[in-house]
Amino acid sequence: MTPEKIRELLAPFLEGDALSDQQVQLVSQHFELLLRWNSRVNLTSITEPEQILARHFGESLFAARKLYQGASGIGSMIDLG
């Protein structure tokens, strides 16, 4: 999937902010790994690439923005869902 398509699909979850080139690259790498391993061990029942980006990446980005809204400093979060 192209970086432009990733940006387009994730834009609704970012409320006007944009991902950096490095962030898009990291999402792309994680996305490709998820697709590759999902075909082997069924990590997720969602198999449509656009839905994977929305449900597994977009929703996590949206939640992270809400949880860290107004927080000072650098934090980390993990999505175990």
PDB file of N, CA and C in Angstrom:
ATOM      1  N   MET A   1       0.852  -1.163   0.000  1.00  0.00           N
ATOM      2  CA  MET A   1       0.000   0.000   0.000  1.00  0.00           C
ATOM      3  C   MET A   1       0.906   1.235   0.000  1.00  0.00           C
ATOM      4  N   THR A   2       0.532   2.225  -0.756  1.00  0.00           N
ATOM      5  CA  THR A   2       1.367   3.416  -0.895  1.00  0.00           C
ATOM      6  C   THR A   2       1.286   4.306   0.348  1.00  0.00           C
ATOM      7  N   PRO A   3       2.328   5.090   0.586  1.00  0.00           N
ATOM      8  CA  PRO A   3       2.283   6.037   1.706  1.00  0.00           C
ATOM      9  C   PRO A   3       1.101   7.009   1.614  1.00  0.00           C
ATOM     10  N   GLU A   4       0.774   7.426   0.400  1.00  0.00           N
ATOM     11  CA  GLU A   4      -0.349   8.351   0.213  1.00  0.00           C
ATOM     12  C   GLU A   4      -1.673   7.699   0.628  1.00  0.00           C
ATOM     13  N   LYS A   5      -1.842   6.431   0.290  1.00  0.00           N
ATOM     14  CA  LYS A   5      -3.060   5.713   0.652  1.00  0.00           C
ATOM     15  C   LYS A   5      -3.143   5.518   2.163  1.00  0.00           C
ATOM     16  N   ILE A   6      -2.021   5.218   2.786  1.00  0.00           N
ATOM     17  CA  ILE A   6      -1.987   5.074   4.245  1.00  0.00           C
ATOM     18  C   ILE A   6      -2.403   6.391   4.891  1.00  0.00           C
ATOM     19  N   ARG A   7      -1.820   7.488   4.427  1.00  0.00           N
ATOM     20  CA  ARG A   7      -2.187   8.808   4.969  1.00  0.00           C
ATOM     21  C   ARG A   7      -3.681   9.083   4.781  1.00  0.00           C
ATOM     22  N   GLU A   8      -4.196   8.776   3.611  1.00  0.00           N
ATOM     23  CA  GLU A   8      -5.608   9.016   3.311  1.00  0.00           C
ATOM     24  C   GLU A   8      -6.520   8.206   4.239  1.00  0.00           C
ATOM     25  N   LEU A   9      -6.202   6.944   4.441  1.00  0.00           N
ATOM     26  CA  LEU A   9      -7.047   6.077   5.257  1.00  0.00           C
ATOM     27  C   LEU A   9      -6.974   6.401   6.749  1.00  0.00           C
ATOM     28  N   LEU A  10      -5.842   6.909   7.188  1.00  0.00           N
ATOM     29  CA  LEU A  10      -5.687   7.212   8.612  1.00  0.00           C
ATOM     30  C   LEU A  10      -6.061   8.650   8.968  1.00  0.00           C
ATOM     31  N   ALA A  11      -6.193   9.514   7.976  1.00  0.00           N
ATOM     32  CA  ALA A  11      -6.512  10.928   8.227  1.00  0.00           C
ATOM     33  C   ALA A  11      -7.754  11.139   9.095  1.00  0.00           C
ATOM     34  N   PRO A  12      -8.860  10.408   8.885  1.00  0.00           N
ATOM     35  CA  PRO A  12     -10.045  10.644   9.725  1.00  0.00           C
ATOM     36  C   PRO A  12      -9.817  10.393  11.218  1.00  0.00           C
ATOM     37  N   PHE A  13      -8.819   9.610  11.559  1.00  0.00           N
ATOM     38  CA  PHE A  13      -8.543   9.275  12.955  1.00  0.00           C
ATOM     39  C   PHE A  13      -7.586  10.268  13.619  1.00  0.00           C
ATOM     40  N   LEU A  14      -7.012  11.173  12.824  1.00  0.00           N
ATOM     41  CA  LEU A  14      -5.984  12.082  13.331  1.00  0.00           C
ATOM     42  C   LEU A  14      -6.494  13.496  13.564  1.00  0.00           C
ATOM     43  N   GLU A  15      -7.744  13.743  13.286  1.00  0.00           N
ATOM     44  CA  GLU A  15      -8.391  15.030  13.558  1.00  0.00           C
ATOM     45  C   GLU A  15      -7.586  16.225  13.050  1.00  0.00           C
ATOM     46  N   GLY A  16      -7.175  16.177  11.802  1.00  0.00           N
ATOM     47  CA  GLY A  16      -6.486  17.309  11.194  1.00  0.00           C
ATOM     48  C   GLY A  16      -4.979  17.266  11.270  1.00  0.00           C
ATOM     49  N   ASP A  17      -4.416  16.451  12.133  1.00  0.00           N
ATOM     50  CA  ASP A  17      -2.965  16.301  12.176  1.00  0.00           C
ATOM     51  C   ASP A  17      -2.533  15.349  11.066  1.00  0.00           C
ATOM     52  N   ALA A  18      -1.259  15.331  10.789  1.00  0.00           N
ATOM     53  CA  ALA A  18      -0.740  14.440   9.753  1.00  0.00           C
ATOM     54  C   ALA A  18       0.398  13.606  10.320  1.00  0.00           C
ATOM     55  N   LEU A  19       0.558  12.433   9.777  1.00  0.00           N
ATOM     56  CA  LEU A  19       1.676  11.568  10.156  1.00  0.00           C
ATOM     57  C   LEU A  19       2.937  12.035   9.444  1.00  0.00           C
ATOM     58  N   SER A  20       4.056  11.937  10.125  1.00  0.00           N
ATOM     59  CA  SER A  20       5.334  12.248   9.490  1.00  0.00           C
ATOM     60  C   SER A  20       5.687  11.131   8.515  1.00  0.00           C
ATOM     61  N   ASP A  21       6.670  11.397   7.678  1.00  0.00           N
ATOM     62  CA  ASP A  21       7.133  10.362   6.747  1.00  0.00           C
ATOM     63  C   ASP A  21       7.630   9.138   7.506  1.00  0.00           C
ATOM     64  N   GLN A  22       8.335   9.361   8.619  1.00  0.00           N
ATOM     65  CA  GLN A  22       8.839   8.243   9.413  1.00  0.00           C
ATOM     66  C   GLN A  22       7.687   7.440  10.017  1.00  0.00           C
ATOM     67  N   GLN A  23       6.661   8.112  10.507  1.00  0.00           N
ATOM     68  CA  GLN A  23       5.507   7.414  11.080  1.00  0.00           C
ATOM     69  C   GLN A  23       4.797   6.580  10.024  1.00  0.00           C
ATOM     70  N   VAL A  24       4.640   7.135   8.830  1.00  0.00           N
ATOM     71  CA  VAL A  24       4.005   6.387   7.743  1.00  0.00           C
ATOM     72  C   VAL A  24       4.839   5.168   7.389  1.00  0.00           C
ATOM     73  N   GLN A  25       6.143   5.322   7.365  1.00  0.00           N
ATOM     74  CA  GLN A  25       7.028   4.190   7.068  1.00  0.00           C
ATOM     75  C   GLN A  25       6.883   3.104   8.131  1.00  0.00           C
ATOM     76  N   LEU A  26       6.811   3.488   9.392  1.00  0.00           N
ATOM     77  CA  LEU A  26       6.667   2.502  10.467  1.00  0.00           C
ATOM     78  C   LEU A  26       5.311   1.804  10.404  1.00  0.00           C
ATOM     79  N   VAL A  27       4.260   2.558  10.121  1.00  0.00           N
ATOM     80  CA  VAL A  27       2.932   1.954   9.963  1.00  0.00           C
ATOM     81  C   VAL A  27       2.959   0.964   8.802  1.00  0.00           C
ATOM     82  N   SER A  28       3.582   1.369   7.705  1.00  0.00           N
ATOM     83  CA  SER A  28       3.661   0.508   6.527  1.00  0.00           C
ATOM     84  C   SER A  28       4.397  -0.795   6.846  1.00  0.00           C
ATOM     85  N   GLN A  29       5.497  -0.700   7.563  1.00  0.00           N
ATOM     86  CA  GLN A  29       6.258  -1.902   7.921  1.00  0.00           C
ATOM     87  C   GLN A  29       5.441  -2.820   8.826  1.00  0.00           C
ATOM     88  N   HIS A  30       4.788  -2.239   9.811  1.00  0.00           N
ATOM     89  CA  HIS A  30       3.967  -3.034  10.727  1.00  0.00           C
ATOM     90  C   HIS A  30       2.794  -3.664   9.970  1.00  0.00           C
ATOM     91  N   PHE A  31       2.186  -2.890   9.094  1.00  0.00           N
ATOM     92  CA  PHE A  31       1.067  -3.359   8.273  1.00  0.00           C
ATOM     93  C   PHE A  31       1.481  -4.559   7.416  1.00  0.00           C
ATOM     94  N   GLU A  32       2.631  -4.457   6.765  1.00  0.00           N
ATOM     95  CA  GLU A  32       3.124  -5.553   5.920  1.00  0.00           C
ATOM     96  C   GLU A  32       3.403  -6.805   6.746  1.00  0.00           C
ATOM     97  N   LEU A  33       3.975  -6.633   7.922  1.00  0.00           N
ATOM     98  CA  LEU A  33       4.206  -7.787   8.809  1.00  0.00           C
ATOM     99  C   LEU A  33       2.885  -8.419   9.240  1.00  0.00           C
ATOM    100  N   LEU A  34       1.920  -7.589   9.569  1.00  0.00           N
ATOM    101  CA  LEU A  34       0.616  -8.104   9.974  1.00  0.00           C
ATOM    102  C   LEU A  34      -0.026  -8.906   8.848  1.00  0.00           C
ATOM    103  N   LEU A  35       0.026  -8.380   7.630  1.00  0.00           N
ATOM    104  CA  LEU A  35      -0.539  -9.108   6.491  1.00  0.00           C
ATOM    105  C   LEU A  35       0.175 -10.443   6.280  1.00  0.00           C
ATOM    106  N   ARG A  36       1.503 -10.418   6.345  1.00  0.00           N
ATOM    107  CA  ARG A  36       2.280 -11.632   6.106  1.00  0.00           C
ATOM    108  C   ARG A  36       1.980 -12.698   7.161  1.00  0.00           C
ATOM    109  N   TRP A  37       1.992 -12.310   8.437  1.00  0.00           N
ATOM    110  CA  TRP A  37       1.775 -13.291   9.496  1.00  0.00           C
ATOM    111  C   TRP A  37       0.318 -13.686   9.638  1.00  0.00           C
ATOM    112  N   ASN A  38      -0.585 -12.786   9.288  1.00  0.00           N
ATOM    113  CA  ASN A  38      -2.004 -13.128   9.378  1.00  0.00           C
ATOM    114  C   ASN A  38      -2.362 -14.271   8.428  1.00  0.00           C
ATOM    115  N   SER A  39      -1.685 -14.340   7.313  1.00  0.00           N
ATOM    116  CA  SER A  39      -1.958 -15.431   6.371  1.00  0.00           C
ATOM    117  C   SER A  39      -1.469 -16.777   6.918  1.00  0.00           C
ATOM    118  N   ARG A  40      -0.568 -16.745   7.886  1.00  0.00           N
ATOM    119  CA  ARG A  40      -0.019 -17.979   8.441  1.00  0.00           C
ATOM    120  C   ARG A  40      -0.673 -18.406   9.749  1.00  0.00           C
ATOM    121  N   VAL A  41      -0.970 -17.438  10.624  1.00  0.00           N
ATOM    122  CA  VAL A  41      -1.456 -17.802  11.952  1.00  0.00           C
ATOM    123  C   VAL A  41      -2.774 -17.115  12.340  1.00  0.00           C
ATOM    124  N   ASN A  42      -3.457 -16.503  11.389  1.00  0.00           N
ATOM    125  CA  ASN A  42      -4.763 -15.897  11.627  1.00  0.00           C
ATOM    126  C   ASN A  42      -4.760 -14.965  12.843  1.00  0.00           C
ATOM    127  N   LEU A  43      -3.975 -13.900  12.759  1.00  0.00           N
ATOM    128  CA  LEU A  43      -3.897 -12.920  13.834  1.00  0.00           C
ATOM    129  C   LEU A  43      -5.185 -12.116  13.977  1.00  0.00           C
ATOM    130  N   THR A  44      -5.855 -11.888  12.873  1.00  0.00           N
ATOM    131  CA  THR A  44      -7.085 -11.101  12.886  1.00  0.00           C
ATOM    132  C   THR A  44      -8.042 -11.652  11.840  1.00  0.00           C
ATOM    133  N   SER A  45      -9.322 -11.580  12.144  1.00  0.00           N
ATOM    134  CA  SER A  45     -10.313 -12.052  11.172  1.00  0.00           C
ATOM    135  C   SER A  45     -10.550 -11.020  10.074  1.00  0.00           C
ATOM    136  N   ILE A  46     -10.091  -9.802  10.302  1.00  0.00           N
ATOM    137  CA  ILE A  46     -10.218  -8.754   9.287  1.00  0.00           C
ATOM    138  C   ILE A  46      -9.100  -8.967   8.274  1.00  0.00           C
ATOM    139  N   THR A  47      -9.460  -9.162   7.024  1.00  0.00           N
ATOM    140  CA  THR A  47      -8.447  -9.452   6.009  1.00  0.00           C
ATOM    141  C   THR A  47      -8.367  -8.397   4.910  1.00  0.00           C
ATOM    142  N   GLU A  48      -9.335  -7.508   4.841  1.00  0.00           N
ATOM    143  CA  GLU A  48      -9.338  -6.436   3.836  1.00  0.00           C
ATOM    144  C   GLU A  48      -8.324  -5.369   4.262  1.00  0.00           C
ATOM    145  N   PRO A  49      -7.310  -5.092   3.446  1.00  0.00           N
ATOM    146  CA  PRO A  49      -6.254  -4.157   3.845  1.00  0.00           C
ATOM    147  C   PRO A  49      -6.763  -2.798   4.351  1.00  0.00           C
ATOM    148  N   GLU A  50      -7.743  -2.221   3.693  1.00  0.00           N
ATOM    149  CA  GLU A  50      -8.247  -0.919   4.128  1.00  0.00           C
ATOM    150  C   GLU A  50      -8.911  -1.012   5.498  1.00  0.00           C
ATOM    151  N   GLN A  51      -9.609  -2.107   5.750  1.00  0.00           N
ATOM    152  CA  GLN A  51     -10.242  -2.305   7.056  1.00  0.00           C
ATOM    153  C   GLN A  51      -9.206  -2.574   8.153  1.00  0.00           C
ATOM    154  N   ILE A  52      -8.147  -3.274   7.796  1.00  0.00           N
ATOM    155  CA  ILE A  52      -7.070  -3.506   8.764  1.00  0.00           C
ATOM    156  C   ILE A  52      -6.478  -2.177   9.212  1.00  0.00           C
ATOM    157  N   LEU A  53      -6.201  -1.298   8.250  1.00  0.00           N
ATOM    158  CA  LEU A  53      -5.641   0.007   8.609  1.00  0.00           C
ATOM    159  C   LEU A  53      -6.604   0.795   9.484  1.00  0.00           C
ATOM    160  N   ALA A  54      -7.871   0.798   9.137  1.00  0.00           N
ATOM    161  CA  ALA A  54      -8.852   1.556   9.915  1.00  0.00           C
ATOM    162  C   ALA A  54      -9.045   0.973  11.302  1.00  0.00           C
ATOM    163  N   ARG A  55      -9.282  -0.319  11.384  1.00  0.00           N
ATOM    164  CA  ARG A  55      -9.628  -0.945  12.664  1.00  0.00           C
ATOM    165  C   ARG A  55      -8.427  -1.138  13.590  1.00  0.00           C
ATOM    166  N   HIS A  56      -7.300  -1.535  13.042  1.00  0.00           N
ATOM    167  CA  HIS A  56      -6.166  -1.855  13.898  1.00  0.00           C
ATOM    168  C   HIS A  56      -5.182  -0.703  14.073  1.00  0.00           C
ATOM    169  N   PHE A  57      -5.094   0.166  13.111  1.00  0.00           N
ATOM    170  CA  PHE A  57      -4.162   1.283  13.219  1.00  0.00           C
ATOM    171  C   PHE A  57      -4.907   2.583  13.528  1.00  0.00           C
ATOM    172  N   GLY A  58      -5.932   2.884  12.756  1.00  0.00           N
ATOM    173  CA  GLY A  58      -6.674   4.132  12.938  1.00  0.00           C
ATOM    174  C   GLY A  58      -7.301   4.252  14.309  1.00  0.00           C
ATOM    175  N   GLU A  59      -7.968   3.211  14.752  1.00  0.00           N
ATOM    176  CA  GLU A  59      -8.629   3.266  16.058  1.00  0.00           C
ATOM    177  C   GLU A  59      -7.614   3.397  17.187  1.00  0.00           C
ATOM    178  N   SER A  60      -6.459   2.775  17.039  1.00  0.00           N
ATOM    179  CA  SER A  60      -5.411   2.904  18.054  1.00  0.00           C
ATOM    180  C   SER A  60      -4.834   4.320  18.069  1.00  0.00           C
ATOM    181  N   LEU A  61      -4.631   4.899  16.895  1.00  0.00           N
ATOM    182  CA  LEU A  61      -4.151   6.277  16.832  1.00  0.00           C
ATOM    183  C   LEU A  61      -5.158   7.234  17.460  1.00  0.00           C
ATOM    184  N   PHE A  62      -6.428   7.026  17.186  1.00  0.00           N
ATOM    185  CA  PHE A  62      -7.480   7.869  17.751  1.00  0.00           C
ATOM    186  C   PHE A  62      -7.473   7.765  19.284  1.00  0.00           C
ATOM    187  N   ALA A  63      -7.401   6.554  19.806  1.00  0.00           N
ATOM    188  CA  ALA A  63      -7.390   6.350  21.257  1.00  0.00           C
ATOM    189  C   ALA A  63      -6.152   6.989  21.887  1.00  0.00           C
ATOM    190  N   ALA A  64      -5.006   6.834  21.258  1.00  0.00           N
ATOM    191  CA  ALA A  64      -3.771   7.406  21.798  1.00  0.00           C
ATOM    192  C   ALA A  64      -3.873   8.929  21.857  1.00  0.00           C
ATOM    193  N   ARG A  65      -4.441   9.535  20.835  1.00  0.00           N
ATOM    194  CA  ARG A  65      -4.603  10.998  20.829  1.00  0.00           C
ATOM    195  C   ARG A  65      -5.499  11.446  21.976  1.00  0.00           C
ATOM    196  N   LYS A  66      -6.547  10.722  22.245  1.00  0.00           N
ATOM    197  CA  LYS A  66      -7.473  11.087  23.314  1.00  0.00           C
ATOM    198  C   LYS A  66      -6.854  10.863  24.688  1.00  0.00           C
ATOM    199  N   LEU A  67      -6.110   9.781  24.846  1.00  0.00           N
ATOM    200  CA  LEU A  67      -5.504   9.478  26.141  1.00  0.00           C
ATOM    201  C   LEU A  67      -4.382  10.442  26.495  1.00  0.00           C
ATOM    202  N   TYR A  68      -3.641  10.906  25.496  1.00  0.00           N
ATOM    203  CA  TYR A  68      -2.516  11.789  25.748  1.00  0.00           C
ATOM    204  C   TYR A  68      -2.822  13.242  25.436  1.00  0.00           C
ATOM    205  N   GLN A  69      -4.063  13.576  25.245  1.00  0.00           N
ATOM    206  CA  GLN A  69      -4.454  14.943  24.945  1.00  0.00           C
ATOM    207  C   GLN A  69      -4.102  15.838  26.130  1.00  0.00           C
ATOM    208  N   GLY A  70      -3.265  16.809  25.886  1.00  0.00           N
ATOM    209  CA  GLY A  70      -2.892  17.735  26.941  1.00  0.00           C
ATOM    210  C   GLY A  70      -1.832  17.225  27.890  1.00  0.00           C
ATOM    211  N   ALA A  71      -1.380  15.997  27.727  1.00  0.00           N
ATOM    212  CA  ALA A  71      -0.348  15.459  28.611  1.00  0.00           C
ATOM    213  C   ALA A  71       0.999  16.074  28.253  1.00  0.00           C
ATOM    214  N   SER A  72       1.791  16.358  29.255  1.00  0.00           N
ATOM    215  CA  SER A  72       3.119  16.903  28.976  1.00  0.00           C
ATOM    216  C   SER A  72       4.134  15.770  29.015  1.00  0.00           C
ATOM    217  N   GLY A  73       5.199  15.946  28.263  1.00  0.00           N
ATOM    218  CA  GLY A  73       6.245  14.945  28.244  1.00  0.00           C
ATOM    219  C   GLY A  73       5.950  13.838  27.236  1.00  0.00           C
ATOM    220  N   ILE A  74       6.826  12.878  27.212  1.00  0.00           N
ATOM    221  CA  ILE A  74       6.712  11.756  26.287  1.00  0.00           C
ATOM    222  C   ILE A  74       6.230  10.538  27.055  1.00  0.00           C
ATOM    223  N   GLY A  75       5.292   9.856  26.506  1.00  0.00           N
ATOM    224  CA  GLY A  75       4.780   8.653  27.145  1.00  0.00           C
ATOM    225  C   GLY A  75       4.740   7.524  26.142  1.00  0.00           C
ATOM    226  N   SER A  76       4.298   6.393  26.594  1.00  0.00           N
ATOM    227  CA  SER A  76       4.140   5.267  25.684  1.00  0.00           C
ATOM    228  C   SER A  76       2.863   4.542  26.065  1.00  0.00           C
ATOM    229  N   MET A  77       2.325   3.829  25.087  1.00  0.00           N
ATOM    230  CA  MET A  77       1.092   3.107  25.293  1.00  0.00           C
ATOM    231  C   MET A  77       1.130   1.865  24.411  1.00  0.00           C
ATOM    232  N   ILE A  78       0.464   0.843  24.846  1.00  0.00           N
ATOM    233  CA  ILE A  78       0.381  -0.380  24.049  1.00  0.00           C
ATOM    234  C   ILE A  78      -1.085  -0.779  23.949  1.00  0.00           C
ATOM    235  N   ASP A  79      -1.480  -1.206  22.772  1.00  0.00           N
ATOM    236  CA  ASP A  79      -2.851  -1.644  22.524  1.00  0.00           C
ATOM    237  C   ASP A  79      -2.875  -3.162  22.560  1.00  0.00           C
ATOM    238  N   LEU A  80      -3.471  -3.721  23.579  1.00  0.00           N
ATOM    239  CA  LEU A  80      -3.515  -5.166  23.733  1.00  0.00           C
ATOM    240  C   LEU A  80      -4.789  -5.769  23.196  1.00  0.00           C
ATOM    241  N   GLY A  81      -5.669  -4.939  22.636  1.00  0.00           N
ATOM    242  CA  GLY A  81      -6.967  -5.389  22.164  1.00  0.00           C
ATOM    243  C   GLY A  81      -6.839  -6.311  21.021  1.00  0.00           C
TER     244      GLY A  81
END
